[in-house]
Amino acid sequence: QVHLVESGGGLVQTGGSLRLSCEASGPTASTNAWGWFRQAPGKEREFLAAMGWAPSATHYADSVNGRFTISGDNAKKTLHLQMNSLKPEDSAVYYCASTRKPLTIASLSMWYEYDDWGQGTQVTVSS
């Protein structure tokens, strides 16, 4: 099982930026894709962005495309999410996840396709 730890969350004003990080440990050599999700109180877990390694690909939710950027280094076992132009509706707990499954572009956005999850980091955007 891959152990994931997120960091970088916090309080930011509308229009501001945050960079989330996710550090992985354990058997990451078999990881095929990494993803970022978020969940606000009373809402379902929402896909944000994913990065696959073979082949290399990124995929974004429409709600964050152009504002959020996923990046990472499989060798360094780190994943990042650069978030710009933040809005109050971006407030949520943000999670990173990894999967060993050979996912398609379509299935990268499905939370249930991911095997391992971090504990989450809170992001709050004030208006």
N, C-alpha and C. Protein backbone atom coordinates (compact mmCIF):
# COMPACT_ATOMS: atom_id res chain seq x y z
N GLN A 1 0.84 -1.19 0.00
CA GLN A 1 0.00 0.00 0.00
C GLN A 1 0.88 1.24 0.00
N VAL A 2 0.53 2.18 -0.86
CA VAL A 2 1.26 3.45 -0.94
C VAL A 2 0.72 4.40 0.12
N HIS A 3 1.63 5.03 0.86
CA HIS A 3 1.23 6.00 1.88
C HIS A 3 1.40 7.41 1.31
N LEU A 4 0.34 8.20 1.39
CA LEU A 4 0.33 9.54 0.80
C LEU A 4 0.08 10.59 1.87
N VAL A 5 0.84 11.68 1.83
CA VAL A 5 0.67 12.76 2.79
C VAL A 5 0.61 14.09 2.04
N GLU A 6 -0.52 14.77 2.19
CA GLU A 6 -0.68 16.07 1.55
C GLU A 6 -0.22 17.20 2.47
N SER A 7 0.17 18.30 1.87
CA SER A 7 0.52 19.50 2.62
C SER A 7 0.29 20.71 1.72
N GLY A 8 0.34 21.89 2.33
CA GLY A 8 0.23 23.12 1.56
C GLY A 8 -1.11 23.81 1.61
N GLY A 9 -2.07 23.19 2.27
CA GLY A 9 -3.37 23.84 2.38
C GLY A 9 -3.32 25.02 3.33
N GLY A 10 -4.40 25.79 3.36
CA GLY A 10 -4.46 26.93 4.25
C GLY A 10 -5.56 27.89 3.86
N LEU A 11 -5.47 29.08 4.42
CA LEU A 11 -6.46 30.14 4.16
C LEU A 11 -5.88 31.13 3.16
N VAL A 12 -6.66 31.45 2.13
CA VAL A 12 -6.21 32.38 1.10
C VAL A 12 -7.39 33.23 0.67
N GLN A 13 -7.11 34.43 0.22
CA GLN A 13 -8.18 35.31 -0.26
C GLN A 13 -8.56 34.97 -1.70
N THR A 14 -9.75 35.37 -2.07
CA THR A 14 -10.21 35.19 -3.45
C THR A 14 -9.20 35.78 -4.42
N GLY A 15 -8.88 35.00 -5.45
CA GLY A 15 -7.90 35.43 -6.44
C GLY A 15 -6.49 35.00 -6.12
N GLY A 16 -6.28 34.48 -4.93
CA GLY A 16 -4.95 34.07 -4.53
C GLY A 16 -4.58 32.70 -5.06
N SER A 17 -3.39 32.26 -4.64
CA SER A 17 -2.85 30.99 -5.11
C SER A 17 -2.37 30.14 -3.95
N LEU A 18 -2.37 28.85 -4.16
CA LEU A 18 -1.79 27.89 -3.23
C LEU A 18 -1.16 26.78 -4.05
N ARG A 19 -0.13 26.17 -3.48
CA ARG A 19 0.49 25.00 -4.10
C ARG A 19 0.45 23.85 -3.11
N LEU A 20 -0.32 22.84 -3.48
CA LEU A 20 -0.41 21.65 -2.66
C LEU A 20 0.66 20.66 -3.07
N SER A 21 1.13 19.91 -2.10
CA SER A 21 2.10 18.86 -2.36
C SER A 21 1.61 17.55 -1.78
N CYS A 22 2.08 16.48 -2.37
CA CYS A 22 1.73 15.15 -1.89
C CYS A 22 3.00 14.31 -1.96
N GLU A 23 3.40 13.80 -0.82
CA GLU A 23 4.59 12.96 -0.76
C GLU A 23 4.16 11.50 -0.58
N ALA A 24 4.74 10.65 -1.38
CA ALA A 24 4.40 9.25 -1.35
C ALA A 24 5.54 8.42 -0.79
N SER A 25 5.17 7.36 -0.13
CA SER A 25 6.16 6.39 0.34
C SER A 25 5.58 5.00 0.17
N GLY A 26 6.46 4.03 0.15
CA GLY A 26 6.01 2.67 -0.07
C GLY A 26 6.23 2.25 -1.51
N PRO A 27 5.52 1.23 -1.95
CA PRO A 27 5.74 0.63 -3.28
C PRO A 27 5.13 1.43 -4.41
N THR A 28 5.74 2.56 -4.74
CA THR A 28 5.19 3.44 -5.78
C THR A 28 5.62 3.03 -7.18
N ALA A 29 6.53 2.08 -7.31
CA ALA A 29 7.03 1.71 -8.63
C ALA A 29 5.91 1.21 -9.54
N SER A 30 4.88 0.65 -8.97
CA SER A 30 3.78 0.13 -9.77
C SER A 30 2.64 1.13 -9.95
N THR A 31 2.84 2.36 -9.49
CA THR A 31 1.81 3.38 -9.65
C THR A 31 1.68 3.78 -11.11
N ASN A 32 0.46 3.76 -11.63
CA ASN A 32 0.20 4.15 -13.02
C ASN A 32 -0.31 5.56 -13.16
N ALA A 33 -0.95 6.06 -12.11
CA ALA A 33 -1.50 7.41 -12.20
C ALA A 33 -1.68 7.98 -10.81
N TRP A 34 -1.64 9.31 -10.77
CA TRP A 34 -1.87 10.06 -9.55
C TRP A 34 -3.02 11.03 -9.81
N GLY A 35 -3.77 11.34 -8.77
CA GLY A 35 -4.88 12.26 -8.96
C GLY A 35 -5.07 13.18 -7.77
N TRP A 36 -5.74 14.29 -8.04
CA TRP A 36 -6.16 15.21 -6.98
C TRP A 36 -7.69 15.29 -6.98
N PHE A 37 -8.27 15.20 -5.83
CA PHE A 37 -9.72 15.30 -5.63
C PHE A 37 -9.97 16.29 -4.49
N ARG A 38 -11.20 16.70 -4.36
CA ARG A 38 -11.58 17.52 -3.22
C ARG A 38 -12.99 17.16 -2.79
N GLN A 39 -13.28 17.50 -1.54
CA GLN A 39 -14.62 17.25 -1.02
C GLN A 39 -14.99 18.36 -0.06
N ALA A 40 -16.07 19.04 -0.37
CA ALA A 40 -16.61 20.08 0.49
C ALA A 40 -17.70 19.48 1.36
N PRO A 41 -18.00 20.08 2.50
CA PRO A 41 -19.03 19.55 3.39
C PRO A 41 -20.36 19.36 2.67
N GLY A 42 -20.94 18.19 2.81
CA GLY A 42 -22.23 17.91 2.22
C GLY A 42 -22.21 17.62 0.73
N LYS A 43 -21.01 17.58 0.15
CA LYS A 43 -20.90 17.33 -1.29
C LYS A 43 -20.11 16.06 -1.56
N GLU A 44 -20.26 15.54 -2.77
CA GLU A 44 -19.52 14.34 -3.15
C GLU A 44 -18.07 14.68 -3.48
N ARG A 45 -17.25 13.66 -3.41
CA ARG A 45 -15.84 13.85 -3.77
C ARG A 45 -15.74 14.20 -5.24
N GLU A 46 -14.99 15.24 -5.54
CA GLU A 46 -14.93 15.80 -6.88
C GLU A 46 -13.54 15.64 -7.47
N PHE A 47 -13.48 15.15 -8.68
CA PHE A 47 -12.22 15.02 -9.39
C PHE A 47 -11.72 16.40 -9.82
N LEU A 48 -10.40 16.61 -9.72
CA LEU A 48 -9.79 17.86 -10.14
C LEU A 48 -8.80 17.66 -11.27
N ALA A 49 -7.83 16.79 -11.06
CA ALA A 49 -6.77 16.61 -12.05
C ALA A 49 -6.10 15.28 -11.82
N ALA A 50 -5.54 14.74 -12.90
CA ALA A 50 -4.83 13.47 -12.80
C ALA A 50 -3.65 13.47 -13.74
N MET A 51 -2.68 12.65 -13.38
CA MET A 51 -1.46 12.53 -14.19
C MET A 51 -1.12 11.07 -14.32
N GLY A 52 -1.01 10.61 -15.56
CA GLY A 52 -0.60 9.24 -15.82
C GLY A 52 0.84 9.20 -16.29
N TRP A 53 1.44 8.03 -16.15
CA TRP A 53 2.86 7.92 -16.49
C TRP A 53 3.10 7.16 -17.78
N ALA A 54 2.27 6.19 -18.10
CA ALA A 54 2.54 5.37 -19.28
C ALA A 54 1.25 5.10 -20.03
N PRO A 55 0.91 5.91 -21.03
CA PRO A 55 1.72 7.04 -21.50
C PRO A 55 1.54 8.27 -20.62
N SER A 56 2.44 9.21 -20.72
CA SER A 56 2.35 10.43 -19.93
C SER A 56 1.16 11.25 -20.40
N ALA A 57 0.33 11.62 -19.45
CA ALA A 57 -0.87 12.37 -19.81
C ALA A 57 -1.39 13.09 -18.59
N THR A 58 -2.05 14.22 -18.83
CA THR A 58 -2.75 14.92 -17.76
C THR A 58 -4.19 15.13 -18.16
N HIS A 59 -5.02 15.22 -17.16
CA HIS A 59 -6.46 15.36 -17.39
C HIS A 59 -7.03 16.24 -16.30
N TYR A 60 -7.87 17.20 -16.69
CA TYR A 60 -8.42 18.15 -15.75
C TYR A 60 -9.94 18.18 -15.81
N ALA A 61 -10.52 18.48 -14.67
CA ALA A 61 -11.95 18.75 -14.64
C ALA A 61 -12.19 20.13 -15.27
N ASP A 62 -13.33 20.28 -15.91
CA ASP A 62 -13.64 21.56 -16.55
C ASP A 62 -13.64 22.71 -15.55
N SER A 63 -14.03 22.42 -14.32
CA SER A 63 -14.18 23.46 -13.31
C SER A 63 -12.84 24.09 -12.91
N VAL A 64 -11.73 23.39 -13.17
CA VAL A 64 -10.43 23.91 -12.76
C VAL A 64 -9.46 24.05 -13.92
N ASN A 65 -9.85 23.62 -15.10
CA ASN A 65 -8.96 23.69 -16.26
C ASN A 65 -8.59 25.14 -16.54
N GLY A 66 -7.28 25.38 -16.63
CA GLY A 66 -6.79 26.74 -16.84
C GLY A 66 -6.43 27.45 -15.56
N ARG A 67 -6.90 26.96 -14.43
CA ARG A 67 -6.57 27.57 -13.13
C ARG A 67 -5.64 26.68 -12.30
N PHE A 68 -5.83 25.37 -12.41
CA PHE A 68 -5.04 24.41 -11.64
C PHE A 68 -4.09 23.68 -12.58
N THR A 69 -2.91 23.36 -12.06
CA THR A 69 -1.92 22.60 -12.82
C THR A 69 -1.36 21.48 -11.98
N ILE A 70 -1.44 20.27 -12.49
CA ILE A 70 -0.89 19.11 -11.80
C ILE A 70 0.51 18.86 -12.33
N SER A 71 1.42 18.51 -11.43
CA SER A 71 2.77 18.16 -11.83
C SER A 71 3.31 17.15 -10.84
N GLY A 72 4.36 16.48 -11.24
CA GLY A 72 4.90 15.50 -10.32
C GLY A 72 6.15 14.84 -10.85
N ASP A 73 6.74 14.09 -9.99
CA ASP A 73 7.96 13.36 -10.33
C ASP A 73 7.84 11.97 -9.73
N ASN A 74 7.65 11.00 -10.60
CA ASN A 74 7.45 9.64 -10.11
C ASN A 74 8.69 9.13 -9.40
N ALA A 75 9.88 9.52 -9.89
CA ALA A 75 11.12 9.09 -9.27
C ALA A 75 11.27 9.68 -7.87
N LYS A 76 10.83 10.92 -7.70
CA LYS A 76 10.93 11.58 -6.39
C LYS A 76 9.71 11.33 -5.53
N LYS A 77 8.74 10.64 -6.10
CA LYS A 77 7.53 10.29 -5.34
C LYS A 77 6.82 11.53 -4.80
N THR A 78 6.73 12.55 -5.62
CA THR A 78 6.02 13.77 -5.21
C THR A 78 5.02 14.17 -6.27
N LEU A 79 3.96 14.78 -5.83
CA LEU A 79 2.90 15.27 -6.70
C LEU A 79 2.52 16.66 -6.21
N HIS A 80 2.22 17.55 -7.14
CA HIS A 80 1.85 18.91 -6.76
C HIS A 80 0.57 19.33 -7.48
N LEU A 81 -0.10 20.28 -6.89
CA LEU A 81 -1.25 20.91 -7.53
C LEU A 81 -1.11 22.41 -7.32
N GLN A 82 -0.77 23.13 -8.38
CA GLN A 82 -0.71 24.58 -8.34
C GLN A 82 -2.09 25.12 -8.60
N MET A 83 -2.60 25.91 -7.67
CA MET A 83 -3.95 26.43 -7.78
C MET A 83 -3.90 27.95 -7.84
N ASN A 84 -4.39 28.52 -8.92
CA ASN A 84 -4.39 29.97 -9.11
C ASN A 84 -5.83 30.47 -9.24
N SER A 85 -5.98 31.76 -9.09
CA SER A 85 -7.31 32.41 -9.23
C SER A 85 -8.35 31.69 -8.39
N LEU A 86 -8.03 31.46 -7.14
CA LEU A 86 -8.92 30.69 -6.27
C LEU A 86 -10.20 31.46 -5.98
N LYS A 87 -11.27 30.70 -5.82
CA LYS A 87 -12.61 31.23 -5.56
C LYS A 87 -13.13 30.62 -4.27
N PRO A 88 -14.08 31.27 -3.63
CA PRO A 88 -14.65 30.70 -2.40
C PRO A 88 -15.19 29.28 -2.61
N GLU A 89 -15.73 29.00 -3.77
CA GLU A 89 -16.26 27.66 -4.04
C GLU A 89 -15.17 26.60 -4.19
N ASP A 90 -13.91 27.01 -4.18
CA ASP A 90 -12.81 26.04 -4.18
C ASP A 90 -12.50 25.54 -2.77
N SER A 91 -13.15 26.10 -1.76
CA SER A 91 -12.92 25.69 -0.39
C SER A 91 -13.37 24.24 -0.19
N ALA A 92 -12.47 23.43 0.33
CA ALA A 92 -12.75 22.00 0.50
C ALA A 92 -11.54 21.34 1.14
N VAL A 93 -11.69 20.07 1.45
CA VAL A 93 -10.54 19.24 1.81
C VAL A 93 -10.02 18.63 0.51
N TYR A 94 -8.73 18.77 0.29
CA TYR A 94 -8.10 18.30 -0.94
C TYR A 94 -7.31 17.02 -0.65
N TYR A 95 -7.50 16.05 -1.52
CA TYR A 95 -6.88 14.74 -1.36
C TYR A 95 -6.03 14.40 -2.59
N CYS A 96 -4.90 13.76 -2.36
CA CYS A 96 -4.20 13.13 -3.47
C CYS A 96 -4.44 11.63 -3.39
N ALA A 97 -4.33 10.99 -4.53
CA ALA A 97 -4.61 9.57 -4.61
C ALA A 97 -3.72 8.94 -5.68
N SER A 98 -3.52 7.64 -5.56
CA SER A 98 -2.72 6.93 -6.55
C SER A 98 -3.41 5.61 -6.90
N THR A 99 -3.09 5.13 -8.09
CA THR A 99 -3.68 3.89 -8.53
C THR A 99 -2.67 3.05 -9.27
N ARG A 100 -2.82 1.75 -9.14
CA ARG A 100 -1.97 0.81 -9.86
C ARG A 100 -2.68 0.27 -11.10
N LYS A 101 -3.92 0.67 -11.27
CA LYS A 101 -4.69 0.20 -12.40
C LYS A 101 -4.27 0.94 -13.68
N PRO A 102 -4.30 0.25 -14.81
CA PRO A 102 -4.04 0.92 -16.09
C PRO A 102 -5.28 1.65 -16.56
N LEU A 103 -5.46 2.88 -16.11
CA LEU A 103 -6.68 3.63 -16.37
C LEU A 103 -6.70 4.27 -17.75
N THR A 104 -7.89 4.48 -18.24
CA THR A 104 -8.07 5.27 -19.45
C THR A 104 -8.23 6.73 -19.05
N ILE A 105 -8.20 7.62 -20.04
CA ILE A 105 -8.39 9.03 -19.75
C ILE A 105 -9.73 9.24 -19.05
N ALA A 106 -10.76 8.56 -19.50
CA ALA A 106 -12.09 8.71 -18.91
C ALA A 106 -12.12 8.24 -17.47
N SER A 107 -11.47 7.15 -17.17
CA SER A 107 -11.55 6.58 -15.82
C SER A 107 -10.62 7.27 -14.83
N LEU A 108 -9.71 8.13 -15.31
CA LEU A 108 -8.85 8.88 -14.40
C LEU A 108 -9.65 9.76 -13.45
N SER A 109 -10.85 10.15 -13.84
CA SER A 109 -11.65 11.04 -13.02
C SER A 109 -12.56 10.30 -12.03
N MET A 110 -12.49 8.99 -12.01
CA MET A 110 -13.37 8.19 -11.16
C MET A 110 -12.66 7.88 -9.84
N TRP A 111 -13.17 8.42 -8.74
CA TRP A 111 -12.46 8.27 -7.47
C TRP A 111 -12.32 6.81 -7.07
N TYR A 112 -13.28 5.98 -7.44
CA TYR A 112 -13.25 4.59 -7.01
C TYR A 112 -12.22 3.76 -7.75
N GLU A 113 -11.58 4.34 -8.78
CA GLU A 113 -10.53 3.63 -9.49
C GLU A 113 -9.18 3.78 -8.80
N TYR A 114 -9.11 4.59 -7.76
CA TYR A 114 -7.85 4.84 -7.08
C TYR A 114 -7.71 3.93 -5.87
N ASP A 115 -6.48 3.47 -5.65
CA ASP A 115 -6.23 2.48 -4.61
C ASP A 115 -5.89 3.10 -3.26
N ASP A 116 -5.12 4.16 -3.28
CA ASP A 116 -4.60 4.71 -2.03
C ASP A 116 -4.87 6.22 -1.96
N TRP A 117 -5.12 6.70 -0.74
CA TRP A 117 -5.51 8.09 -0.52
C TRP A 117 -4.73 8.69 0.64
N GLY A 118 -4.49 9.99 0.55
CA GLY A 118 -3.93 10.72 1.67
C GLY A 118 -5.02 11.10 2.65
N GLN A 119 -4.61 11.76 3.73
CA GLN A 119 -5.56 12.15 4.77
C GLN A 119 -6.27 13.46 4.45
N GLY A 120 -5.76 14.19 3.47
CA GLY A 120 -6.39 15.43 3.05
C GLY A 120 -5.77 16.67 3.68
N THR A 121 -5.90 17.79 2.99
CA THR A 121 -5.46 19.07 3.51
C THR A 121 -6.53 20.11 3.23
N GLN A 122 -6.84 20.93 4.22
CA GLN A 122 -7.94 21.89 4.11
C GLN A 122 -7.50 23.13 3.33
N VAL A 123 -8.33 23.51 2.38
CA VAL A 123 -8.15 24.77 1.65
C VAL A 123 -9.39 25.62 1.88
N THR A 124 -9.17 26.84 2.35
CA THR A 124 -10.27 27.76 2.59
C THR A 124 -9.99 29.05 1.84
N VAL A 125 -10.94 29.45 1.00
CA VAL A 125 -10.80 30.68 0.22
C VAL A 125 -11.82 31.68 0.73
N SER A 126 -11.34 32.79 1.25
CA SER A 126 -12.23 33.80 1.81
C SER A 126 -12.66 34.78 0.72
N SER A 127 -13.88 35.27 0.88
CA SER A 127 -14.43 36.21 -0.12
C SER A 127 -14.10 37.65 0.24
